[in-house]
Amino acid sequence: FAYPSGGFDQAVVDGLAQDGFELAFTTVRGLNDL
């Protein structure tokens, strides 16, 4: 999933996890140390 316009909050993140999403992309600038 990619958050539209980068908007997200903790409740949405928790909801995605409950609905089986495994990866979600913000628009926060930077790299990811996996």
Full PDB file with SEQRES, HELIX, SHEET, SSBOND, CRYST1, ORIGX, SCALE, CONECT and MASTER records, all heavy atoms in Angstrom:
SEQRES   1 A   34  PHE ALA TYR PRO SER GLY GLY PHE ASP GLN ALA VAL VAL          
SEQRES   2 A   34  ASP GLY LEU ALA GLN ASP GLY PHE GLU LEU ALA PHE THR          
SEQRES   3 A   34  THR VAL ARG GLY LEU ASN ASP LEU                              
HELIX    1 AA1 PRO A    4  GLY A    6  5                                   3    
HELIX    2 AA2 GLN A   10  GLN A   18  1                                   9    
CRYST1    1.000    1.000    1.000  90.00  90.00  90.00 P 1           1          
ORIGX1      1.000000  0.000000  0.000000        0.00000                         
ORIGX2      0.000000  1.000000  0.000000        0.00000                         
ORIGX3      0.000000  0.000000  1.000000        0.00000                         
SCALE1      1.000000  0.000000  0.000000        0.00000                         
SCALE2      0.000000  1.000000  0.000000        0.00000                         
SCALE3      0.000000  0.000000  1.000000        0.00000                         
ATOM      1  N   PHE A   1       0.851  -1.188   0.000  1.00  0.00           N  
ATOM      2  CA  PHE A   1       0.000   0.000   0.000  1.00  0.00           C  
ATOM      3  C   PHE A   1       0.882   1.232   0.000  1.00  0.00           C  
ATOM      4  O   PHE A   1       1.971   1.243   0.568  1.00  0.00           O  
ATOM      5  CB  PHE A   1      -0.874  -0.006   1.263  1.00  0.00           C  
ATOM      6  CG  PHE A   1      -1.841   1.142   1.378  1.00  0.00           C  
ATOM      7  CD1 PHE A   1      -2.968   1.209   0.573  1.00  0.00           C  
ATOM      8  CD2 PHE A   1      -1.630   2.155   2.302  1.00  0.00           C  
ATOM      9  CE1 PHE A   1      -3.864   2.262   0.676  1.00  0.00           C  
ATOM     10  CE2 PHE A   1      -2.526   3.211   2.416  1.00  0.00           C  
ATOM     11  CZ  PHE A   1      -3.650   3.260   1.598  1.00  0.00           C  
ATOM     12  N   ALA A   2       0.421   2.297  -0.660  1.00  0.00           N  
ATOM     13  CA  ALA A   2       1.068   3.608  -0.581  1.00  0.00           C  
ATOM     14  C   ALA A   2       0.048   4.602  -0.038  1.00  0.00           C  
ATOM     15  O   ALA A   2      -1.070   4.695  -0.553  1.00  0.00           O  
ATOM     16  CB  ALA A   2       1.586   4.056  -1.941  1.00  0.00           C  
ATOM     17  N   TYR A   3       0.428   5.328   1.002  1.00  0.00           N  
ATOM     18  CA  TYR A   3      -0.467   6.311   1.612  1.00  0.00           C  
ATOM     19  C   TYR A   3      -0.673   7.482   0.656  1.00  0.00           C  
ATOM     20  O   TYR A   3       0.299   8.130   0.255  1.00  0.00           O  
ATOM     21  CB  TYR A   3       0.128   6.832   2.925  1.00  0.00           C  
ATOM     22  CG  TYR A   3       0.364   5.777   3.969  1.00  0.00           C  
ATOM     23  CD1 TYR A   3       1.642   5.252   4.192  1.00  0.00           C  
ATOM     24  CD2 TYR A   3      -0.682   5.291   4.736  1.00  0.00           C  
ATOM     25  CE1 TYR A   3       1.869   4.285   5.155  1.00  0.00           C  
ATOM     26  CE2 TYR A   3      -0.470   4.320   5.695  1.00  0.00           C  
ATOM     27  CZ  TYR A   3       0.805   3.818   5.904  1.00  0.00           C  
ATOM     28  OH  TYR A   3       1.020   2.839   6.861  1.00  0.00           O  
ATOM     29  N   PRO A   4      -1.912   7.787   0.268  1.00  0.00           N  
ATOM     30  CA  PRO A   4      -2.140   8.933  -0.626  1.00  0.00           C  
ATOM     31  C   PRO A   4      -1.597  10.234  -0.039  1.00  0.00           C  
ATOM     32  O   PRO A   4      -1.877  10.568   1.123  1.00  0.00           O  
ATOM     33  CB  PRO A   4      -3.668   8.975  -0.752  1.00  0.00           C  
ATOM     34  CG  PRO A   4      -4.091   7.559  -0.552  1.00  0.00           C  
ATOM     35  CD  PRO A   4      -3.155   7.030   0.503  1.00  0.00           C  
ATOM     36  N   SER A   5      -0.796  10.918  -0.820  1.00  0.00           N  
ATOM     37  CA  SER A   5      -0.158  12.174  -0.406  1.00  0.00           C  
ATOM     38  C   SER A   5       0.674  12.004   0.853  1.00  0.00           C  
ATOM     39  O   SER A   5       1.028  12.997   1.494  1.00  0.00           O  
ATOM     40  CB  SER A   5      -1.204  13.279  -0.196  1.00  0.00           C  
ATOM     41  OG  SER A   5      -1.914  13.519  -1.396  1.00  0.00           O  
ATOM     42  N   GLY A   6       0.969  10.768   1.226  1.00  0.00           N  
ATOM     43  CA  GLY A   6       1.829  10.505   2.368  1.00  0.00           C  
ATOM     44  C   GLY A   6       1.164  10.595   3.722  1.00  0.00           C  
ATOM     45  O   GLY A   6       1.823  10.457   4.751  1.00  0.00           O  
ATOM     46  N   GLY A   7      -0.145  10.829   3.777  1.00  0.00           N  
ATOM     47  CA  GLY A   7      -0.821  10.994   5.061  1.00  0.00           C  
ATOM     48  C   GLY A   7      -1.041   9.668   5.762  1.00  0.00           C  
ATOM     49  O   GLY A   7      -1.537   8.717   5.165  1.00  0.00           O  
ATOM     50  N   PHE A   8      -0.679   9.599   7.031  1.00  0.00           N  
ATOM     51  CA  PHE A   8      -0.938   8.400   7.830  1.00  0.00           C  
ATOM     52  C   PHE A   8      -0.897   8.767   9.300  1.00  0.00           C  
ATOM     53  O   PHE A   8      -0.413   9.830   9.686  1.00  0.00           O  
ATOM     54  CB  PHE A   8       0.088   7.302   7.516  1.00  0.00           C  
ATOM     55  CG  PHE A   8       1.482   7.602   8.014  1.00  0.00           C  
ATOM     56  CD1 PHE A   8       1.917   7.129   9.243  1.00  0.00           C  
ATOM     57  CD2 PHE A   8       2.362   8.355   7.250  1.00  0.00           C  
ATOM     58  CE1 PHE A   8       3.205   7.409   9.707  1.00  0.00           C  
ATOM     59  CE2 PHE A   8       3.640   8.637   7.692  1.00  0.00           C  
ATOM     60  CZ  PHE A   8       4.067   8.162   8.934  1.00  0.00           C  
ATOM     61  N   ASP A   9      -1.416   7.895  10.128  1.00  0.00           N  
ATOM     62  CA  ASP A   9      -1.268   8.017  11.569  1.00  0.00           C  
ATOM     63  C   ASP A   9      -1.243   6.611  12.166  1.00  0.00           C  
ATOM     64  O   ASP A   9      -1.391   5.613  11.454  1.00  0.00           O  
ATOM     65  CB  ASP A   9      -2.363   8.895  12.198  1.00  0.00           C  
ATOM     66  CG  ASP A   9      -3.772   8.416  11.907  1.00  0.00           C  
ATOM     67  OD1 ASP A   9      -3.977   7.189  11.701  1.00  0.00           O  
ATOM     68  OD2 ASP A   9      -4.693   9.249  11.885  1.00  0.00           O  
ATOM     69  N   GLN A  10      -1.046   6.523  13.471  1.00  0.00           N  
ATOM     70  CA  GLN A  10      -0.861   5.214  14.094  1.00  0.00           C  
ATOM     71  C   GLN A  10      -2.090   4.342  13.941  1.00  0.00           C  
ATOM     72  O   GLN A  10      -1.980   3.126  13.722  1.00  0.00           O  
ATOM     73  CB  GLN A  10      -0.531   5.381  15.579  1.00  0.00           C  
ATOM     74  CG  GLN A  10      -0.193   4.069  16.277  1.00  0.00           C  
ATOM     75  CD  GLN A  10       1.024   3.395  15.680  1.00  0.00           C  
ATOM     76  OE1 GLN A  10       2.068   4.022  15.517  1.00  0.00           O  
ATOM     77  NE2 GLN A  10       0.891   2.117  15.333  1.00  0.00           N  
ATOM     78  N   ALA A  11      -3.285   4.925  14.044  1.00  0.00           N  
ATOM     79  CA  ALA A  11      -4.503   4.129  13.917  1.00  0.00           C  
ATOM     80  C   ALA A  11      -4.619   3.508  12.532  1.00  0.00           C  
ATOM     81  O   ALA A  11      -5.034   2.348  12.390  1.00  0.00           O  
ATOM     82  CB  ALA A  11      -5.730   4.995  14.220  1.00  0.00           C  
ATOM     83  N   VAL A  12      -4.240   4.249  11.507  1.00  0.00           N  
ATOM     84  CA  VAL A  12      -4.284   3.716  10.146  1.00  0.00           C  
ATOM     85  C   VAL A  12      -3.242   2.620   9.975  1.00  0.00           C  
ATOM     86  O   VAL A  12      -3.515   1.567   9.377  1.00  0.00           O  
ATOM     87  CB  VAL A  12      -4.069   4.845   9.120  1.00  0.00           C  
ATOM     88  CG1 VAL A  12      -3.901   4.278   7.721  1.00  0.00           C  
ATOM     89  CG2 VAL A  12      -5.232   5.822   9.160  1.00  0.00           C  
ATOM     90  N   VAL A  13      -2.053   2.829  10.499  1.00  0.00           N  
ATOM     91  CA  VAL A  13      -1.003   1.813  10.424  1.00  0.00           C  
ATOM     92  C   VAL A  13      -1.470   0.523  11.089  1.00  0.00           C  
ATOM     93  O   VAL A  13      -1.310  -0.578  10.537  1.00  0.00           O  
ATOM     94  CB  VAL A  13       0.295   2.325  11.076  1.00  0.00           C  
ATOM     95  CG1 VAL A  13       1.329   1.206  11.183  1.00  0.00           C  
ATOM     96  CG2 VAL A  13       0.873   3.495  10.282  1.00  0.00           C  
ATOM     97  N   ASP A  14      -2.064   0.650  12.267  1.00  0.00           N  
ATOM     98  CA  ASP A  14      -2.561  -0.530  12.965  1.00  0.00           C  
ATOM     99  C   ASP A  14      -3.650  -1.230  12.154  1.00  0.00           C  
ATOM    100  O   ASP A  14      -3.702  -2.468  12.100  1.00  0.00           O  
ATOM    101  CB  ASP A  14      -3.115  -0.140  14.338  1.00  0.00           C  
ATOM    102  CG  ASP A  14      -2.024   0.343  15.295  1.00  0.00           C  
ATOM    103  OD1 ASP A  14      -0.830   0.059  15.043  1.00  0.00           O  
ATOM    104  OD2 ASP A  14      -2.371   1.011  16.287  1.00  0.00           O  
ATOM    105  N   GLY A  15      -4.526  -0.447  11.519  1.00  0.00           N  
ATOM    106  CA  GLY A  15      -5.592  -1.025  10.703  1.00  0.00           C  
ATOM    107  C   GLY A  15      -5.052  -1.787   9.504  1.00  0.00           C  
ATOM    108  O   GLY A  15      -5.543  -2.871   9.173  1.00  0.00           O  
ATOM    109  N   LEU A  16      -4.027  -1.242   8.858  1.00  0.00           N  
ATOM    110  CA  LEU A  16      -3.421  -1.938   7.733  1.00  0.00           C  
ATOM    111  C   LEU A  16      -2.837  -3.280   8.166  1.00  0.00           C  
ATOM    112  O   LEU A  16      -2.978  -4.290   7.466  1.00  0.00           O  
ATOM    113  CB  LEU A  16      -2.325  -1.083   7.103  1.00  0.00           C  
ATOM    114  CG  LEU A  16      -2.739   0.188   6.356  1.00  0.00           C  
ATOM    115  CD1 LEU A  16      -1.510   0.883   5.782  1.00  0.00           C  
ATOM    116  CD2 LEU A  16      -3.728  -0.117   5.241  1.00  0.00           C  
ATOM    117  N   ALA A  17      -2.189  -3.281   9.332  1.00  0.00           N  
ATOM    118  CA  ALA A  17      -1.619  -4.528   9.833  1.00  0.00           C  
ATOM    119  C   ALA A  17      -2.708  -5.569  10.080  1.00  0.00           C  
ATOM    120  O   ALA A  17      -2.564  -6.744   9.724  1.00  0.00           O  
ATOM    121  CB  ALA A  17      -0.827  -4.256  11.112  1.00  0.00           C  
ATOM    122  N   GLN A  18      -3.818  -5.135  10.653  1.00  0.00           N  
ATOM    123  CA  GLN A  18      -4.928  -6.054  10.926  1.00  0.00           C  
ATOM    124  C   GLN A  18      -5.550  -6.583   9.638  1.00  0.00           C  
ATOM    125  O   GLN A  18      -6.082  -7.703   9.613  1.00  0.00           O  
ATOM    126  CB  GLN A  18      -5.983  -5.348  11.774  1.00  0.00           C  
ATOM    127  CG  GLN A  18      -5.522  -4.985  13.176  1.00  0.00           C  
ATOM    128  CD  GLN A  18      -6.514  -4.110  13.908  1.00  0.00           C  
ATOM    129  OE1 GLN A  18      -7.728  -4.222  13.717  1.00  0.00           O  
ATOM    130  NE2 GLN A  18      -6.012  -3.211  14.754  1.00  0.00           N  
ATOM    131  N   ASP A  19      -5.483  -5.798   8.569  1.00  0.00           N  
ATOM    132  CA  ASP A  19      -6.089  -6.202   7.300  1.00  0.00           C  
ATOM    133  C   ASP A  19      -5.114  -6.943   6.388  1.00  0.00           C  
ATOM    134  O   ASP A  19      -5.421  -7.176   5.208  1.00  0.00           O  
ATOM    135  CB  ASP A  19      -6.653  -4.970   6.585  1.00  0.00           C  
ATOM    136  CG  ASP A  19      -7.822  -4.360   7.341  1.00  0.00           C  
ATOM    137  OD1 ASP A  19      -8.497  -5.103   8.072  1.00  0.00           O  
ATOM    138  OD2 ASP A  19      -8.050  -3.143   7.223  1.00  0.00           O  
ATOM    139  N   GLY A  20      -3.961  -7.291   6.910  1.00  0.00           N  
ATOM    140  CA  GLY A  20      -3.057  -8.155   6.171  1.00  0.00           C  
ATOM    141  C   GLY A  20      -2.049  -7.478   5.269  1.00  0.00           C  
ATOM    142  O   GLY A  20      -1.351  -8.158   4.511  1.00  0.00           O  
ATOM    143  N   PHE A  21      -1.932  -6.161   5.333  1.00  0.00           N  
ATOM    144  CA  PHE A  21      -0.913  -5.490   4.541  1.00  0.00           C  
ATOM    145  C   PHE A  21       0.456  -5.711   5.193  1.00  0.00           C  
ATOM    146  O   PHE A  21       0.589  -5.666   6.412  1.00  0.00           O  
ATOM    147  CB  PHE A  21      -1.216  -3.993   4.429  1.00  0.00           C  
ATOM    148  CG  PHE A  21      -2.338  -3.679   3.485  1.00  0.00           C  
ATOM    149  CD1 PHE A  21      -3.647  -3.567   3.944  1.00  0.00           C  
ATOM    150  CD2 PHE A  21      -2.096  -3.509   2.134  1.00  0.00           C  
ATOM    151  CE1 PHE A  21      -4.692  -3.289   3.077  1.00  0.00           C  
ATOM    152  CE2 PHE A  21      -3.126  -3.230   1.252  1.00  0.00           C  
ATOM    153  CZ  PHE A  21      -4.428  -3.126   1.727  1.00  0.00           C  
ATOM    154  N   GLU A  22       1.445  -5.921   4.353  1.00  0.00           N  
ATOM    155  CA  GLU A  22       2.783  -6.232   4.851  1.00  0.00           C  
ATOM    156  C   GLU A  22       3.786  -5.112   4.619  1.00  0.00           C  
ATOM    157  O   GLU A  22       4.778  -5.006   5.334  1.00  0.00           O  
ATOM    158  CB  GLU A  22       3.291  -7.529   4.210  1.00  0.00           C  
ATOM    159  CG  GLU A  22       2.436  -8.736   4.564  1.00  0.00           C  
ATOM    160  CD  GLU A  22       2.903 -10.001   3.881  1.00  0.00           C  
ATOM    161  OE1 GLU A  22       4.000  -9.983   3.257  1.00  0.00           O  
ATOM    162  OE2 GLU A  22       2.178 -11.022   3.952  1.00  0.00           O  
ATOM    163  N   LEU A  23       3.549  -4.285   3.614  1.00  0.00           N  
ATOM    164  CA  LEU A  23       4.412  -3.142   3.328  1.00  0.00           C  
ATOM    165  C   LEU A  23       3.540  -1.928   3.046  1.00  0.00           C  
ATOM    166  O   LEU A  23       2.504  -2.051   2.379  1.00  0.00           O  
ATOM    167  CB  LEU A  23       5.302  -3.392   2.105  1.00  0.00           C  
ATOM    168  CG  LEU A  23       6.302  -4.544   2.155  1.00  0.00           C  
ATOM    169  CD1 LEU A  23       7.011  -4.666   0.803  1.00  0.00           C  
ATOM    170  CD2 LEU A  23       7.318  -4.350   3.259  1.00  0.00           C  
ATOM    171  N   ALA A  24       3.944  -0.764   3.539  1.00  0.00           N  
ATOM    172  CA  ALA A  24       3.237   0.481   3.225  1.00  0.00           C  
ATOM    173  C   ALA A  24       4.263   1.594   3.115  1.00  0.00           C  
ATOM    174  O   ALA A  24       5.205   1.686   3.918  1.00  0.00           O  
ATOM    175  CB  ALA A  24       2.193   0.803   4.283  1.00  0.00           C  
ATOM    176  N   PHE A  25       4.060   2.448   2.121  1.00  0.00           N  
ATOM    177  CA  PHE A  25       5.051   3.460   1.757  1.00  0.00           C  
ATOM    178  C   PHE A  25       4.528   4.853   2.077  1.00  0.00           C  
ATOM    179  O   PHE A  25       3.437   5.236   1.654  1.00  0.00           O  
ATOM    180  CB  PHE A  25       5.384   3.353   0.272  1.00  0.00           C  
ATOM    181  CG  PHE A  25       6.037   2.047  -0.091  1.00  0.00           C  
ATOM    182  CD1 PHE A  25       5.272   0.914  -0.325  1.00  0.00           C  
ATOM    183  CD2 PHE A  25       7.415   1.947  -0.169  1.00  0.00           C  
ATOM    184  CE1 PHE A  25       5.867  -0.295  -0.647  1.00  0.00           C  
ATOM    185  CE2 PHE A  25       8.022   0.743  -0.490  1.00  0.00           C  
ATOM    186  CZ  PHE A  25       7.247  -0.377  -0.731  1.00  0.00           C  
ATOM    187  N   THR A  26       5.334   5.614   2.807  1.00  0.00           N  
ATOM    188  CA  THR A  26       5.022   6.995   3.132  1.00  0.00           C  
ATOM    189  C   THR A  26       5.638   7.899   2.059  1.00  0.00           C  
ATOM    190  O   THR A  26       6.179   7.429   1.065  1.00  0.00           O  
ATOM    191  CB  THR A  26       5.605   7.377   4.498  1.00  0.00           C  
ATOM    192  OG1 THR A  26       7.040   7.484   4.402  1.00  0.00           O  
ATOM    193  CG2 THR A  26       5.262   6.325   5.560  1.00  0.00           C  
ATOM    194  N   THR A  27       5.577   9.212   2.289  1.00  0.00           N  
ATOM    195  CA  THR A  27       6.349  10.151   1.479  1.00  0.00           C  
ATOM    196  C   THR A  27       7.389  10.847   2.344  1.00  0.00           C  
ATOM    197  O   THR A  27       7.942  11.881   1.945  1.00  0.00           O  
ATOM    198  CB  THR A  27       5.437  11.205   0.818  1.00  0.00           C  
ATOM    199  OG1 THR A  27       4.691  11.894   1.832  1.00  0.00           O  
ATOM    200  CG2 THR A  27       4.488  10.558  -0.179  1.00  0.00           C  
ATOM    201  N   VAL A  28       7.672  10.292   3.517  1.00  0.00           N  
ATOM    202  CA  VAL A  28       8.732  10.830   4.362  1.00  0.00           C  
ATOM    203  C   VAL A  28      10.073  10.553   3.685  1.00  0.00           C  
ATOM    204  O   VAL A  28      10.360   9.416   3.305  1.00  0.00           O  
ATOM    205  CB  VAL A  28       8.693  10.195   5.764  1.00  0.00           C  
ATOM    206  CG1 VAL A  28       9.840  10.735   6.620  1.00  0.00           C  
ATOM    207  CG2 VAL A  28       7.355  10.469   6.441  1.00  0.00           C  
ATOM    208  N   ARG A  29      10.867  11.588   3.504  1.00  0.00           N  
ATOM    209  CA  ARG A  29      12.110  11.445   2.750  1.00  0.00           C  
ATOM    210  C   ARG A  29      13.128  10.617   3.524  1.00  0.00           C  
ATOM    211  O   ARG A  29      13.322  10.797   4.732  1.00  0.00           O  
ATOM    212  CB  ARG A  29      12.707  12.815   2.444  1.00  0.00           C  
ATOM    213  CG  ARG A  29      14.006  12.755   1.639  1.00  0.00           C  
ATOM    214  CD  ARG A  29      14.479  14.142   1.259  1.00  0.00           C  
ATOM    215  NE  ARG A  29      13.572  14.763   0.309  1.00  0.00           N  
ATOM    216  CZ  ARG A  29      13.616  14.575  -1.007  1.00  0.00           C  
ATOM    217  NH1 ARG A  29      14.513  13.750  -1.518  1.00  0.00           N  
ATOM    218  NH2 ARG A  29      12.765  15.174  -1.797  1.00  0.00           N  
ATOM    219  N   GLY A  30      13.791   9.721   2.810  1.00  0.00           N  
ATOM    220  CA  GLY A  30      14.880   8.971   3.414  1.00  0.00           C  
ATOM    221  C   GLY A  30      14.944   7.543   2.922  1.00  0.00           C  
ATOM    222  O   GLY A  30      14.092   7.080   2.152  1.00  0.00           O  
ATOM    223  N   LEU A  31      15.970   6.827   3.382  1.00  0.00           N  
ATOM    224  CA  LEU A  31      16.170   5.428   3.053  1.00  0.00           C  
ATOM    225  C   LEU A  31      15.704   4.555   4.210  1.00  0.00           C  
ATOM    226  O   LEU A  31      15.347   5.049   5.277  1.00  0.00           O  
ATOM    227  CB  LEU A  31      17.641   5.157   2.748  1.00  0.00           C  
ATOM    228  CG  LEU A  31      18.292   6.024   1.672  1.00  0.00           C  
ATOM    229  CD1 LEU A  31      19.698   5.525   1.373  1.00  0.00           C  
ATOM    230  CD2 LEU A  31      17.455   6.049   0.409  1.00  0.00           C  
ATOM    231  N   ASN A  32      15.711   3.249   3.997  1.00  0.00           N  
ATOM    232  CA  ASN A  32      15.226   2.305   4.999  1.00  0.00           C  
ATOM    233  C   ASN A  32      16.304   1.272   5.309  1.00  0.00           C  
ATOM    234  O   ASN A  32      16.754   0.561   4.406  1.00  0.00           O  
ATOM    235  CB  ASN A  32      13.981   1.579   4.476  1.00  0.00           C  
ATOM    236  CG  ASN A  32      12.860   2.538   4.117  1.00  0.00           C  
ATOM    237  OD1 ASN A  32      12.204   3.095   4.987  1.00  0.00           O  
ATOM    238  ND2 ASN A  32      12.657   2.750   2.822  1.00  0.00           N  
ATOM    239  N   ASP A  33      16.709   1.234   6.560  1.00  0.00           N  
ATOM    240  CA  ASP A  33      17.568   0.154   7.029  1.00  0.00           C  
ATOM    241  C   ASP A  33      16.639  -1.009   7.372  1.00  0.00           C  
ATOM    242  O   ASP A  33      15.917  -0.967   8.367  1.00  0.00           O  
ATOM    243  CB  ASP A  33      18.354   0.603   8.259  1.00  0.00           C  
ATOM    244  CG  ASP A  33      19.333  -0.455   8.748  1.00  0.00           C  
ATOM    245  OD1 ASP A  33      19.132  -1.654   8.442  1.00  0.00           O  
ATOM    246  OD2 ASP A  33      20.290  -0.097   9.462  1.00  0.00           O  
ATOM    247  N   LEU A  34      16.629  -2.039   6.524  1.00  0.00           N  
ATOM    248  CA  LEU A  34      15.639  -3.097   6.662  1.00  0.00           C  
ATOM    249  C   LEU A  34      15.820  -3.925   7.922  1.00  0.00           C  
ATOM    250  O   LEU A  34      14.941  -4.713   8.275  1.00  0.00           O  
ATOM    251  CB  LEU A  34      15.661  -3.995   5.421  1.00  0.00           C  
ATOM    252  CG  LEU A  34      15.283  -3.288   4.111  1.00  0.00           C  
ATOM    253  CD1 LEU A  34      15.255  -4.272   2.958  1.00  0.00           C  
ATOM    254  CD2 LEU A  34      13.942  -2.583   4.244  1.00  0.00           C  
TER     255      LEU A  34                                                      
MASTER        0    0    0    2    0    0    0    6  254    1    0    3          
END                                                                             
